[in-house]
N, C-alpha and C. Protein backbone atom coordinates (compact mmCIF):
# COMPACT_ATOMS: atom_id res chain seq x y z
N MET A 1 -18.62 -21.60 -29.40
CA MET A 1 -17.61 -20.83 -29.38
C MET A 1 -17.62 -19.69 -28.92
N ARG A 2 -18.88 -18.93 -29.15
CA ARG A 2 -19.07 -17.23 -28.76
C ARG A 2 -19.06 -17.24 -27.64
N ILE A 3 -20.03 -18.09 -27.08
CA ILE A 3 -20.31 -18.35 -25.59
C ILE A 3 -18.94 -18.71 -24.76
N SER A 4 -18.48 -19.72 -25.40
CA SER A 4 -16.99 -19.94 -24.30
C SER A 4 -16.22 -18.65 -24.63
N PHE A 5 -16.21 -18.16 -25.53
CA PHE A 5 -15.41 -16.63 -25.56
C PHE A 5 -15.96 -15.73 -24.60
N ALA A 6 -16.91 -15.48 -24.64
CA ALA A 6 -17.67 -14.54 -23.83
C ALA A 6 -17.63 -14.80 -22.40
N CYS A 7 -17.45 -15.99 -21.82
CA CYS A 7 -17.40 -16.57 -20.53
C CYS A 7 -15.68 -16.25 -20.18
N LEU A 8 -15.06 -16.35 -21.28
CA LEU A 8 -13.71 -16.19 -20.95
C LEU A 8 -13.43 -14.93 -20.55
N LEU A 9 -14.03 -13.96 -21.62
CA LEU A 9 -13.33 -12.61 -21.22
C LEU A 9 -14.32 -11.82 -20.03
N LEU A 10 -15.58 -12.48 -19.55
CA LEU A 10 -15.96 -12.37 -18.21
C LEU A 10 -15.00 -12.42 -17.05
N LEU A 11 -14.72 -14.03 -17.22
CA LEU A 11 -13.85 -14.13 -16.06
C LEU A 11 -12.61 -13.61 -16.03
N SER A 12 -12.11 -13.18 -17.15
CA SER A 12 -10.67 -12.37 -17.21
C SER A 12 -11.05 -10.79 -16.27
N ALA A 13 -11.88 -10.38 -16.91
CA ALA A 13 -12.55 -9.09 -16.32
C ALA A 13 -12.95 -9.19 -14.74
N THR A 14 -13.59 -10.48 -14.45
CA THR A 14 -13.66 -10.45 -12.94
C THR A 14 -12.13 -10.43 -12.26
N VAL A 15 -11.27 -11.24 -12.64
CA VAL A 15 -10.28 -11.49 -11.76
C VAL A 15 -9.37 -10.47 -12.40
N SER A 16 -9.24 -9.43 -13.13
CA SER A 16 -8.69 -7.98 -13.02
C SER A 16 -9.28 -7.37 -12.09
N CYS A 17 -10.43 -7.12 -12.10
CA CYS A 17 -11.31 -6.30 -11.02
C CYS A 17 -11.02 -6.64 -9.72
N GLN A 18 -10.79 -7.98 -9.47
CA GLN A 18 -10.65 -8.65 -7.97
C GLN A 18 -8.80 -7.96 -7.85
N ASN A 19 -7.91 -8.00 -8.74
CA ASN A 19 -6.73 -7.66 -8.33
C ASN A 19 -6.34 -6.01 -8.41
N GLU A 20 -7.57 -5.33 -8.82
CA GLU A 20 -7.26 -4.14 -8.72
C GLU A 20 -6.86 -3.69 -7.11
N PRO A 21 -7.50 -3.66 -6.50
CA PRO A 21 -7.27 -3.12 -4.89
C PRO A 21 -5.70 -3.43 -4.69
N TYR A 22 -5.40 -4.68 -4.82
CA TYR A 22 -4.02 -5.31 -4.70
C TYR A 22 -2.71 -4.45 -5.61
N ARG A 23 -3.38 -3.94 -6.79
CA ARG A 23 -2.09 -2.98 -7.60
C ARG A 23 -2.20 -2.08 -7.01
N LYS A 24 -3.04 -1.54 -6.59
CA LYS A 24 -3.01 -0.19 -5.83
C LYS A 24 -2.28 0.22 -4.82
N PHE A 25 -2.44 -0.98 -3.79
CA PHE A 25 -1.65 -1.27 -2.61
C PHE A 25 -0.47 -1.01 -3.02
N ILE A 26 -0.03 -1.76 -4.14
CA ILE A 26 1.26 -2.23 -4.30
C ILE A 26 2.05 -0.52 -5.05
N ASN A 27 1.10 0.23 -5.59
CA ASN A 27 1.63 1.40 -6.18
C ASN A 27 1.66 2.18 -5.14
N GLN A 28 0.82 2.38 -4.10
CA GLN A 28 0.77 3.32 -3.04
C GLN A 28 2.01 2.72 -1.87
N HIS A 29 2.21 2.04 -1.56
CA HIS A 29 3.06 1.13 -0.24
C HIS A 29 4.43 0.71 -0.49
N ILE A 30 4.40 0.06 -1.88
CA ILE A 30 5.75 -0.79 -2.11
C ILE A 30 6.71 -0.35 -2.78
N ASN A 31 7.98 0.03 -2.13
CA ASN A 31 9.05 0.50 -2.74
C ASN A 31 10.59 0.16 -2.25
N VAL A 32 10.82 -0.85 -2.54
CA VAL A 32 12.27 -1.62 -2.12
C VAL A 32 13.16 -0.44 -2.07
N GLY A 33 13.01 0.67 -2.99
CA GLY A 33 14.45 1.69 -3.02
C GLY A 33 13.86 2.94 -2.43
N MET A 34 12.71 3.08 -1.91
CA MET A 34 12.76 4.23 -1.18
C MET A 34 13.37 5.14 -0.01
N SER A 35 13.43 5.99 -0.10
CA SER A 35 14.24 7.04 0.76
C SER A 35 13.63 8.13 1.49
N VAL A 36 13.85 8.61 2.66
CA VAL A 36 13.34 9.88 3.32
C VAL A 36 13.17 11.12 2.19
N ASN A 37 14.37 11.12 1.28
CA ASN A 37 14.30 12.35 0.35
C ASN A 37 13.77 12.12 -1.17
N ARG A 38 12.83 11.16 -1.02
CA ARG A 38 12.30 10.97 -2.24
C ARG A 38 10.46 10.76 -2.05
N CYS A 39 10.51 11.36 -1.27
CA CYS A 39 8.77 11.37 -0.98
C CYS A 39 8.03 11.97 -2.01
N ASP A 40 8.46 13.30 -2.58
CA ASP A 40 7.79 14.06 -3.51
C ASP A 40 7.77 13.42 -4.59
N GLN A 41 9.18 13.26 -5.25
CA GLN A 41 9.07 12.39 -6.51
C GLN A 41 8.45 11.37 -6.70
N VAL A 42 8.54 10.28 -5.89
CA VAL A 42 7.99 8.90 -5.61
C VAL A 42 6.00 9.19 -5.96
N ILE A 43 5.73 9.98 -4.78
CA ILE A 43 4.29 10.36 -4.83
C ILE A 43 3.79 10.93 -6.12
N ARG A 44 4.58 11.91 -6.62
CA ARG A 44 3.95 12.52 -7.90
C ARG A 44 4.15 11.70 -8.99
N SER A 45 5.13 10.76 -9.18
CA SER A 45 5.39 9.97 -10.22
C SER A 45 4.26 8.77 -10.30
N ARG A 46 3.87 8.28 -8.89
CA ARG A 46 2.71 7.46 -8.95
C ARG A 46 1.37 7.92 -8.77
N GLU A 47 1.51 9.10 -8.83
CA GLU A 47 -0.08 9.75 -8.75
C GLU A 47 -0.79 9.30 -7.62
N ILE A 48 -0.28 9.25 -6.27
CA ILE A 48 -0.79 8.99 -5.22
C ILE A 48 -1.50 10.29 -4.57
N THR A 49 -2.96 10.18 -4.33
CA THR A 49 -3.67 11.34 -3.87
C THR A 49 -4.72 10.72 -3.01
N GLU A 50 -5.33 11.41 -2.30
CA GLU A 50 -6.63 10.94 -1.75
C GLU A 50 -7.79 10.07 -2.65
N THR A 51 -8.17 9.18 -2.51
CA THR A 51 -9.02 8.60 -3.30
C THR A 51 -10.17 9.51 -3.78
N GLY A 52 -10.05 9.45 -4.98
CA GLY A 52 -10.95 9.96 -5.95
C GLY A 52 -11.06 11.55 -6.21
N SER A 53 -9.75 12.35 -6.01
CA SER A 53 -9.45 13.71 -5.88
C SER A 53 -7.97 13.68 -6.05
N ASN A 54 -7.75 15.17 -6.40
CA ASN A 54 -6.67 15.94 -6.54
C ASN A 54 -6.13 16.00 -5.25
N THR A 55 -6.40 16.00 -4.35
CA THR A 55 -5.89 16.39 -3.10
C THR A 55 -4.71 15.71 -2.24
N CYS A 56 -3.94 16.14 -2.37
CA CYS A 56 -2.53 15.70 -1.45
C CYS A 56 -3.16 14.88 -0.17
N LYS A 57 -2.54 13.37 0.08
CA LYS A 57 -2.58 12.51 1.16
C LYS A 57 -2.02 13.43 2.23
N ASP A 58 -2.44 13.03 3.30
CA ASP A 58 -1.96 13.69 4.57
C ASP A 58 -0.60 13.00 4.71
N THR A 59 -0.63 11.76 4.68
CA THR A 59 0.33 10.78 5.06
C THR A 59 0.34 9.56 4.13
N ASN A 60 1.21 9.08 3.66
CA ASN A 60 1.90 8.12 2.86
C ASN A 60 2.86 6.82 3.49
N THR A 61 2.64 6.04 3.64
CA THR A 61 3.80 4.75 4.06
C THR A 61 4.17 3.92 2.84
N PHE A 62 5.46 4.08 2.95
CA PHE A 62 6.02 3.07 2.04
C PHE A 62 6.80 2.03 2.66
N ILE A 63 6.49 0.44 2.30
CA ILE A 63 7.33 -0.32 2.82
C ILE A 63 8.51 -0.99 2.05
N LEU A 64 9.65 -1.02 2.72
CA LEU A 64 10.88 -1.30 1.95
C LEU A 64 11.05 -2.34 1.71
N ALA A 65 10.36 -3.38 1.06
CA ALA A 65 10.54 -4.60 0.94
C ALA A 65 9.92 -5.29 -0.34
N SER A 66 10.10 -6.60 -0.84
CA SER A 66 9.34 -7.16 -2.03
C SER A 66 7.79 -7.51 -1.60
N THR A 67 7.36 -7.13 -2.97
CA THR A 67 5.83 -7.83 -2.69
C THR A 67 5.60 -9.21 -2.21
N ASN A 68 6.22 -9.99 -2.65
CA ASN A 68 6.15 -11.42 -1.96
C ASN A 68 6.53 -11.67 -0.48
N GLU A 69 7.52 -10.62 -0.25
CA GLU A 69 7.67 -10.35 1.35
C GLU A 69 6.88 -10.00 2.06
N VAL A 70 5.85 -9.00 1.34
CA VAL A 70 4.26 -8.48 2.12
C VAL A 70 3.24 -9.37 2.50
N ASN A 71 3.15 -10.08 0.97
CA ASN A 71 2.08 -11.06 0.64
C ASN A 71 2.18 -11.92 1.78
N LYS A 72 3.14 -12.32 2.24
CA LYS A 72 3.75 -13.57 3.24
C LYS A 72 2.81 -13.10 4.39
N VAL A 73 2.53 -11.55 4.87
CA VAL A 73 1.90 -11.36 6.28
C VAL A 73 0.45 -12.09 5.86
N CYS A 74 -0.43 -11.90 4.75
CA CYS A 74 -1.51 -12.29 4.66
C CYS A 74 -1.76 -13.80 4.48
N ARG A 75 -0.47 -14.56 4.61
CA ARG A 75 -0.49 -16.15 4.68
C ARG A 75 -0.13 -16.43 6.20
N LEU A 76 1.01 -16.75 5.96
CA LEU A 76 1.84 -17.40 7.29
C LEU A 76 2.63 -16.66 8.29
N ALA A 77 2.56 -15.30 7.75
CA ALA A 77 3.68 -14.32 8.53
C ALA A 77 2.85 -13.23 9.18
N GLY A 78 1.84 -13.24 9.44
CA GLY A 78 1.03 -12.53 10.22
C GLY A 78 -0.15 -13.14 10.86
N VAL A 79 -0.74 -12.31 11.78
CA VAL A 79 -1.74 -12.52 12.87
C VAL A 79 -2.79 -11.59 12.75
N PRO A 80 -3.95 -11.88 13.54
CA PRO A 80 -5.17 -11.17 13.24
C PRO A 80 -4.82 -9.94 14.32
N TYR A 81 -5.31 -8.78 13.83
CA TYR A 81 -5.08 -7.35 14.80
C TYR A 81 -6.29 -6.57 14.26
N GLY A 82 -6.67 -6.00 15.56
CA GLY A 82 -7.51 -4.96 15.63
C GLY A 82 -8.85 -5.69 14.84
N VAL A 83 -9.78 -5.04 14.16
CA VAL A 83 -11.20 -4.93 13.18
C VAL A 83 -10.58 -5.53 11.65
N GLY A 84 -10.39 -6.64 11.26
CA GLY A 84 -10.02 -6.97 9.63
C GLY A 84 -9.05 -6.61 9.29
N LEU A 85 -7.86 -6.74 10.38
CA LEU A 85 -6.41 -6.34 10.12
C LEU A 85 -5.44 -7.28 10.23
N THR A 86 -4.98 -7.20 9.59
CA THR A 86 -3.39 -8.65 10.14
C THR A 86 -2.24 -8.13 10.34
N LYS A 87 -1.49 -8.13 11.45
CA LYS A 87 -0.05 -7.71 11.85
C LYS A 87 0.79 -8.66 11.20
N SER A 88 1.89 -8.03 11.04
CA SER A 88 3.39 -9.07 10.27
C SER A 88 3.73 -9.46 12.02
N LEU A 89 4.47 -10.39 11.87
CA LEU A 89 5.48 -11.00 12.75
C LEU A 89 6.63 -10.55 12.79
N GLN A 90 7.25 -10.18 11.75
CA GLN A 90 8.27 -9.45 11.80
C GLN A 90 8.25 -7.92 11.31
N PRO A 91 9.08 -7.22 11.99
CA PRO A 91 8.86 -5.60 11.71
C PRO A 91 9.67 -5.19 9.86
N PHE A 92 9.18 -4.15 9.27
CA PHE A 92 9.76 -3.96 8.21
C PHE A 92 10.18 -2.46 8.34
N PRO A 93 10.93 -2.34 7.38
CA PRO A 93 11.57 -0.87 7.21
C PRO A 93 10.77 -0.13 6.37
N ILE A 94 10.48 1.04 6.89
CA ILE A 94 9.49 1.95 6.24
C ILE A 94 9.55 3.27 6.14
N VAL A 95 9.36 4.09 5.22
CA VAL A 95 9.30 5.43 5.22
C VAL A 95 7.89 5.87 5.13
N VAL A 96 7.77 6.89 6.11
CA VAL A 96 6.39 7.78 6.41
C VAL A 96 6.75 8.72 5.57
N CYS A 97 5.77 9.23 4.53
CA CYS A 97 5.83 10.74 3.92
C CYS A 97 4.61 11.46 4.42
N THR A 98 5.02 12.51 5.27
CA THR A 98 3.91 13.33 5.62
C THR A 98 3.83 14.99 5.18
N LEU A 99 2.78 15.25 4.64
CA LEU A 99 2.49 16.27 4.05
C LEU A 99 2.98 17.78 4.63
N LYS A 100 3.80 18.48 3.95
CA LYS A 100 4.23 19.64 4.69
C LYS A 100 3.11 20.47 4.35
N ASN A 101 2.53 20.89 3.38
CA ASN A 101 1.64 21.96 2.94
C ASN A 101 0.27 21.52 2.84
N GLN A 102 -0.39 21.57 4.24
CA GLN A 102 -1.73 20.99 4.10
C GLN A 102 -2.68 21.95 3.41
N GLY A 103 -3.66 20.69 3.00
CA GLY A 103 -4.85 21.34 1.91
C GLY A 103 -4.25 21.36 0.44
N ALA A 104 -2.94 21.24 0.29
CA ALA A 104 -2.15 21.28 -1.07
C ALA A 104 -3.00 20.23 -2.18
N HIS A 105 -3.00 20.42 -3.55
CA HIS A 105 -3.84 19.76 -4.46
C HIS A 105 -2.48 19.33 -5.39
N ARG A 106 -2.40 18.21 -5.99
CA ARG A 106 -1.63 17.82 -6.90
C ARG A 106 -1.39 18.74 -7.99
N PRO A 107 -0.18 19.08 -8.67
CA PRO A 107 1.10 18.38 -8.65
C PRO A 107 1.81 19.45 -7.41
N ARG A 108 1.24 20.15 -6.63
CA ARG A 108 1.85 20.97 -5.32
C ARG A 108 2.39 20.31 -4.36
N CYS A 109 2.31 18.86 -4.32
CA CYS A 109 2.26 18.45 -2.64
C CYS A 109 3.58 18.35 -2.21
N GLN A 110 4.13 18.57 -0.97
CA GLN A 110 5.52 18.72 -0.50
C GLN A 110 5.30 18.00 0.78
N TYR A 111 6.08 16.84 0.44
CA TYR A 111 6.50 15.72 2.00
C TYR A 111 7.52 15.89 2.49
N ARG A 112 7.51 15.58 4.13
CA ARG A 112 8.79 15.45 4.76
C ARG A 112 8.62 13.52 4.90
N GLY A 113 10.01 13.15 4.74
CA GLY A 113 10.22 11.63 5.00
C GLY A 113 10.63 11.47 6.36
N ARG A 114 10.09 10.18 7.12
CA ARG A 114 11.00 9.67 8.00
C ARG A 114 10.99 8.33 7.80
N SER A 115 12.23 7.43 8.03
CA SER A 115 12.33 5.99 8.32
C SER A 115 12.43 5.36 9.58
N SER A 116 11.90 4.52 9.69
CA SER A 116 11.87 3.57 10.66
C SER A 116 11.82 2.24 10.55
N ILE A 117 11.64 1.18 11.47
CA ILE A 117 11.49 -0.11 11.66
C ILE A 117 10.24 -0.32 12.29
N ARG A 118 9.08 -0.85 11.55
CA ARG A 118 7.88 -1.30 12.41
C ARG A 118 7.22 -2.43 12.00
N TYR A 119 6.27 -2.60 12.75
CA TYR A 119 5.48 -4.13 12.43
C TYR A 119 4.18 -3.30 11.52
N ILE A 120 3.61 -3.80 10.73
CA ILE A 120 2.77 -3.19 10.03
C ILE A 120 1.52 -4.07 10.01
N ALA A 121 0.41 -3.34 10.13
CA ALA A 121 -1.01 -3.94 9.76
C ALA A 121 -1.67 -3.49 9.04
N ILE A 122 -2.10 -4.81 7.94
CA ILE A 122 -2.74 -4.40 6.78
C ILE A 122 -4.16 -5.32 6.64
N ARG A 123 -4.86 -5.00 5.73
CA ARG A 123 -6.08 -5.73 5.22
C ARG A 123 -5.69 -6.69 4.17
N CYS A 124 -6.29 -7.84 4.40
CA CYS A 124 -5.81 -8.78 3.22
C CYS A 124 -7.10 -9.18 2.60
N GLN A 125 -7.06 -9.33 1.24
CA GLN A 125 -8.26 -10.27 0.61
C GLN A 125 -7.50 -11.46 0.03
N GLY A 126 -8.03 -12.54 0.89
CA GLY A 126 -7.22 -13.63 0.35
C GLY A 126 -5.75 -13.88 0.56
N ASP A 127 -4.98 -13.95 0.06
CA ASP A 127 -3.76 -14.20 0.24
C ASP A 127 -2.84 -12.65 -0.25
N PHE A 128 -3.50 -11.42 -0.48
CA PHE A 128 -2.85 -10.61 -0.89
C PHE A 128 -3.36 -9.31 0.06
N PRO A 129 -2.37 -8.02 0.19
CA PRO A 129 -2.61 -6.92 0.71
C PRO A 129 -3.57 -6.00 -0.19
N VAL A 130 -4.50 -5.50 0.70
CA VAL A 130 -5.64 -4.77 -0.14
C VAL A 130 -5.50 -3.10 0.42
N HIS A 131 -4.93 -3.24 1.81
CA HIS A 131 -5.55 -1.71 2.34
C HIS A 131 -3.95 -1.36 3.28
N TYR A 132 -3.55 -0.44 3.55
CA TYR A 132 -2.45 -0.23 4.55
C TYR A 132 -3.04 0.23 5.73
N GLY A 133 -3.08 -0.33 7.08
CA GLY A 133 -3.81 0.07 8.07
C GLY A 133 -3.12 0.90 8.95
N ARG A 134 -1.73 0.60 9.17
CA ARG A 134 -0.96 1.51 10.32
C ARG A 134 0.32 0.75 10.59
N ASP A 135 1.19 1.46 10.88
CA ASP A 135 2.46 0.79 11.63
C ASP A 135 2.41 0.61 13.32
N ILE A 136 3.12 -0.27 13.67
CA ILE A 136 3.23 -0.68 15.18
C ILE A 136 4.64 -0.59 15.75
N VAL A 137 4.65 0.03 16.71
CA VAL A 137 5.94 0.12 17.47
C VAL A 137 5.63 -1.16 18.55
N HIS A 138 6.40 -2.27 18.54
CA HIS A 138 6.26 -3.42 19.46
C HIS A 138 7.66 -3.01 20.37
N LEU A 139 6.66 -3.09 21.72
CA LEU A 139 7.49 -2.97 22.92
C LEU A 139 7.46 -4.31 23.38
N ASP A 140 8.26 -4.86 24.04
CA ASP A 140 8.33 -6.36 24.52
C ASP A 140 8.77 -6.18 25.98
């Protein structure tokens, strides 16, 4: 019984660790209600900084779509793009927040927001996005 319980805990921890990059992606890049005027507030409340520091990110992009819609890019709604990325087949509304005060540290990050509609390129781990690569203007 103890061995079964220990195995269950180990399995649970493994699944949790595998989901951590996906949860970080959601926190940093998914926000259906995002607007260009909310960059400072959202980035501060979600504690988004350069990985492993309090340095403000130069740029952070929010996708104005549900997690389910973005997840589809990793399944059937995306195509290989560059090295290790998947490009969406349909464009998404996004808000790009660009740091105004270069070199600042949290909580003094100040951003300027810009909205657009772009294809997105993301890194997928299985059926889930784990890294935002870039947005792409698609000209036919």
